């Protein structure tokens, strides 16, 4: 079983065969992968191809699953639950929406306008960009199943706890009036055939790939630079165990950036290979995907400054705590 698991991890998910193939092709072109420039080119091509293949397959599969959970149905599902269970269901529904934070906000606005509890909608808003089925598979391809599963579980906990805290604070009046007073029409979702769902999945895969691919190129490009050009000593000093504020630094650096999980993973992979601590890297990923500056600007249109500040504070503190927790127990994931 261990050999099968190792084969699936190395060859199916991590696609190490692809790295070997890229290296051989570059060698045939006279490019030495052991040099800085050659290594950067190999890292770039290997990661772009690998992430693109995984992305297209995963988004198609996830979108097919998501076709069973349109906004109207998701709203009805979440409306059946109360209290902590409602937050848990909202966080879980967020995992089947392969969206970045900006794409999740219109759904958040729609759920809030429909009268769902504010804390429940925020659990969805936190979970949707931070944790999805695609991120689970991609994280497994780089960090292994233990880290990937733990990341997803902890991400869901942050979403549930964050939404619950916001609900307890009774900040409904901090939602902009045009959303609270919006009238909604509950239309029944049409019954889709299997062919319709396949077409929907194909269209979602195509549109998502077009939106995400530029960030994949940017993320892999940054990763290639970190991997082959930045000295390990720099990364270890800034984000290694010798800097007790590495998690805070990584979180604050990640907040103003904009990318989704697919664009941040190559950067995380490069940072980890250079000596950054696991929790520090994961905090960076969570901050980029959940608290990007463009998504905060969009969210400000829907909520007032106090609620926006509470949301950012809760997420930031939660992400930092997760980072330190992972660092403290990093030995369990080696």
Foldseek 3Di string as FASTA:
>chain_A
DVVVQVCCLVCVQLNVVLLVVLCVVCVVVVQHCVALVNVLVSLLVSLLVNLLVLLLVVLLVLLLVCVVPDLLNLLVVLVVDDDLVSLLSLLVNLQSAQDFLQVLVVSLLVSVLVPRQNLSSQLNSQNNQQHYPSLLSNCCNQQNNVVSVVSNVLSNVLSSVLSNVLNVVPCNVQWDPCSNPDDDDNDDDDDDDSVRSSVSSNVSSVVVCVVASVLQSVLSSLLSCLQRPPALVVLCVQANPVDPCLLVVLLVVQQQAEHTLNNLVSNLSSSVVSHGAPLSSSLNNSNNRNRHPVSLVVVCVTGPPVSSVSSVVSSNVSSSVSSVVCRVVVVVSD
